[in-house]
Amino acid sequence: MDRIDIKILAAVQTSGRISITELSRHAGLSIPATTDRLRKLEDAGVIKGYSAQVDPVKLGYGISAVVGMTTFKPAKTKLIALLQEIPEVVECLHVTGNDSYLIRLYAKSMADIENTIARINPFGETRTSIVLSEPIERRKLAP
């Protein structure tokens, strides 16, 4: 990756809807050259996709939680399959340390969090932290 690729990555991370024309101006390249660079970054898997950032609160999900979970090998595959079926689960990280997984979820009520935890509890021990705020929201990654 060179400095032009880095400019392109910075621009598309800031605005996934940036036009090729605007992106080419930002990168200092022609439209065909910018399109080619962008395609190469996508083909190499550097850019995995484009998505919209939505406000969970405006969708009715006023509560966010992080669930640390310890589970043993035989239950891991079934747990992951269940987590993929629960739409409120937006992220699952396989981690080292006391937990096997860190699970990020959104809920409309505390009862919904309780129900989700009840569904996953048969697979291991859980520790739930309610998110009070996000002082650093998900941000772009600098190459």
Protein backbone atom coordinates (compact mmCIF):
# COMPACT_ATOMS: atom_id res chain seq x y z
CA MET A 1 0.00 0.00 0.00
CA ASP A 2 1.22 3.45 -0.85
CA ARG A 3 0.14 6.93 0.20
CA ILE A 4 -2.62 7.03 -2.46
CA ASP A 5 -4.16 3.80 -1.15
CA ILE A 6 -4.03 5.29 2.33
CA LYS A 7 -5.86 8.42 1.09
CA ILE A 8 -8.51 6.25 -0.55
CA LEU A 9 -8.97 4.15 2.60
CA ALA A 10 -9.27 7.24 4.79
CA ALA A 11 -11.89 8.73 2.48
CA VAL A 12 -14.08 5.62 2.16
CA GLN A 13 -13.92 5.00 5.91
CA THR A 14 -15.09 8.54 6.53
CA SER A 15 -17.84 8.34 3.92
CA GLY A 16 -18.72 4.99 2.38
CA ARG A 17 -21.05 6.82 0.00
CA ILE A 18 -18.35 9.05 -1.48
CA SER A 19 -18.66 9.28 -5.26
CA ILE A 20 -15.86 8.01 -7.48
CA THR A 21 -15.51 11.55 -8.84
CA GLU A 22 -15.01 13.00 -5.36
CA LEU A 23 -12.75 10.11 -4.36
CA SER A 24 -10.59 10.63 -7.44
CA ARG A 25 -10.17 14.31 -6.53
CA HIS A 26 -9.25 13.33 -2.98
CA ALA A 27 -6.70 10.77 -4.23
CA GLY A 28 -5.34 13.02 -6.97
CA LEU A 29 -6.00 10.41 -9.68
CA SER A 30 -8.20 10.07 -12.74
CA ILE A 31 -11.59 8.38 -12.31
CA PRO A 32 -10.46 5.15 -14.06
CA ALA A 33 -7.26 4.99 -11.99
CA THR A 34 -9.23 5.57 -8.77
CA THR A 35 -11.78 2.93 -9.74
CA ASP A 36 -8.95 0.48 -10.41
CA ARG A 37 -7.26 1.23 -7.08
CA LEU A 38 -10.54 0.86 -5.22
CA ARG A 39 -11.30 -2.46 -6.95
CA LYS A 40 -7.81 -3.77 -6.09
CA LEU A 41 -8.31 -2.84 -2.42
CA GLU A 42 -11.66 -4.65 -2.46
CA ASP A 43 -10.26 -7.72 -4.28
CA ALA A 44 -7.36 -7.94 -1.81
CA GLY A 45 -9.84 -7.94 1.07
CA VAL A 46 -8.49 -4.71 2.53
CA ILE A 47 -11.96 -3.21 2.04
CA LYS A 48 -14.39 -5.88 3.22
CA GLY A 49 -17.56 -3.95 2.47
CA TYR A 50 -19.54 -0.76 2.93
CA SER A 51 -22.24 -0.19 5.51
CA ALA A 52 -24.39 2.44 7.14
CA GLN A 53 -23.97 3.40 10.77
CA VAL A 54 -27.38 3.42 12.42
CA ASP A 55 -28.41 4.89 15.75
CA PRO A 56 -29.68 1.98 17.89
CA VAL A 57 -31.68 4.36 20.11
CA LYS A 58 -33.64 5.67 17.12
CA LEU A 59 -34.47 2.06 16.25
CA GLY A 60 -35.84 1.52 19.77
CA TYR A 61 -32.77 -0.20 21.24
CA GLY A 62 -32.11 2.06 24.21
CA ILE A 63 -29.91 -0.34 26.16
CA SER A 64 -26.55 -1.79 25.19
CA ALA A 65 -24.67 -4.49 27.07
CA VAL A 66 -21.42 -6.39 26.85
CA VAL A 67 -21.64 -9.98 28.03
CA GLY A 68 -18.48 -11.82 29.01
CA MET A 69 -18.99 -15.55 28.71
CA THR A 70 -16.97 -18.57 29.73
CA THR A 71 -17.86 -21.71 27.84
CA PHE A 72 -16.15 -25.02 27.23
CA LYS A 73 -15.16 -26.55 23.89
CA PRO A 74 -18.14 -28.89 23.39
CA ALA A 75 -20.63 -26.00 23.68
CA LYS A 76 -18.79 -23.40 21.57
CA THR A 77 -20.16 -24.40 18.17
CA LYS A 78 -23.75 -24.53 19.44
CA LEU A 79 -23.34 -21.20 21.25
CA ILE A 80 -22.05 -19.45 18.12
CA ALA A 81 -24.91 -20.91 16.08
CA LEU A 82 -27.42 -19.58 18.64
CA LEU A 83 -25.77 -16.14 18.78
CA GLN A 84 -26.02 -15.86 15.00
CA GLU A 85 -29.80 -16.37 15.30
CA ILE A 86 -30.28 -13.57 17.86
CA PRO A 87 -30.64 -10.28 15.94
CA GLU A 88 -29.86 -8.15 19.02
CA VAL A 89 -26.35 -9.67 19.14
CA VAL A 90 -24.25 -7.41 16.92
CA GLU A 91 -20.75 -8.59 17.76
CA CYS A 92 -19.01 -11.60 19.28
CA LEU A 93 -15.28 -11.67 19.99
CA HIS A 94 -13.36 -14.85 20.85
CA VAL A 95 -10.88 -13.67 23.50
CA THR A 96 -8.17 -14.81 25.88
CA GLY A 97 -8.33 -14.43 29.64
CA ASN A 98 -11.19 -15.27 31.98
CA ASP A 99 -13.82 -15.09 29.25
CA SER A 100 -14.12 -17.22 26.15
CA TYR A 101 -16.26 -14.62 24.37
CA LEU A 102 -17.26 -10.98 24.64
CA ILE A 103 -20.72 -10.45 23.19
CA ARG A 104 -22.12 -7.02 22.31
CA LEU A 105 -25.90 -6.73 22.22
CA TYR A 106 -28.62 -4.12 22.04
CA ALA A 107 -32.02 -4.38 23.68
CA LYS A 108 -35.25 -2.47 24.00
CA SER A 109 -35.60 -3.23 27.71
CA MET A 110 -33.87 -4.87 30.64
CA ALA A 111 -36.32 -7.75 30.26
CA ASP A 112 -35.02 -8.29 26.72
CA ILE A 113 -31.44 -8.46 28.02
CA GLU A 114 -32.55 -10.91 30.68
CA ASN A 115 -34.27 -13.07 28.04
CA THR A 116 -31.20 -13.09 25.80
CA ILE A 117 -28.95 -14.05 28.70
CA ALA A 118 -31.38 -16.80 29.67
CA ARG A 119 -31.11 -18.20 26.13
CA ILE A 120 -27.30 -18.35 26.23
CA ASN A 121 -26.82 -19.33 29.90
CA PRO A 122 -27.08 -23.08 29.22
CA PHE A 123 -23.78 -22.79 27.31
CA GLY A 124 -21.71 -21.33 30.14
CA GLU A 125 -21.28 -18.67 32.77
CA THR A 126 -22.09 -15.06 31.89
CA ARG A 127 -21.09 -11.68 33.31
CA THR A 128 -23.07 -8.74 31.99
CA SER A 129 -22.04 -5.09 31.92
CA ILE A 130 -24.57 -2.46 30.92
CA VAL A 131 -23.04 0.23 28.68
CA LEU A 132 -23.55 3.69 30.18
CA SER A 133 -21.99 5.65 27.31
CA GLU A 134 -19.53 5.37 24.44
CA PRO A 135 -16.78 7.95 25.03
CA ILE A 136 -14.97 6.57 21.95
CA GLU A 137 -17.31 5.27 19.28
CA ARG A 138 -16.18 2.89 16.57
CA ARG A 139 -13.79 4.85 14.40
CA LYS A 140 -11.77 4.41 11.24
CA LEU A 141 -8.58 2.40 11.33
CA ALA A 142 -5.46 4.13 10.07
CA PRO A 143 -3.24 1.96 7.84
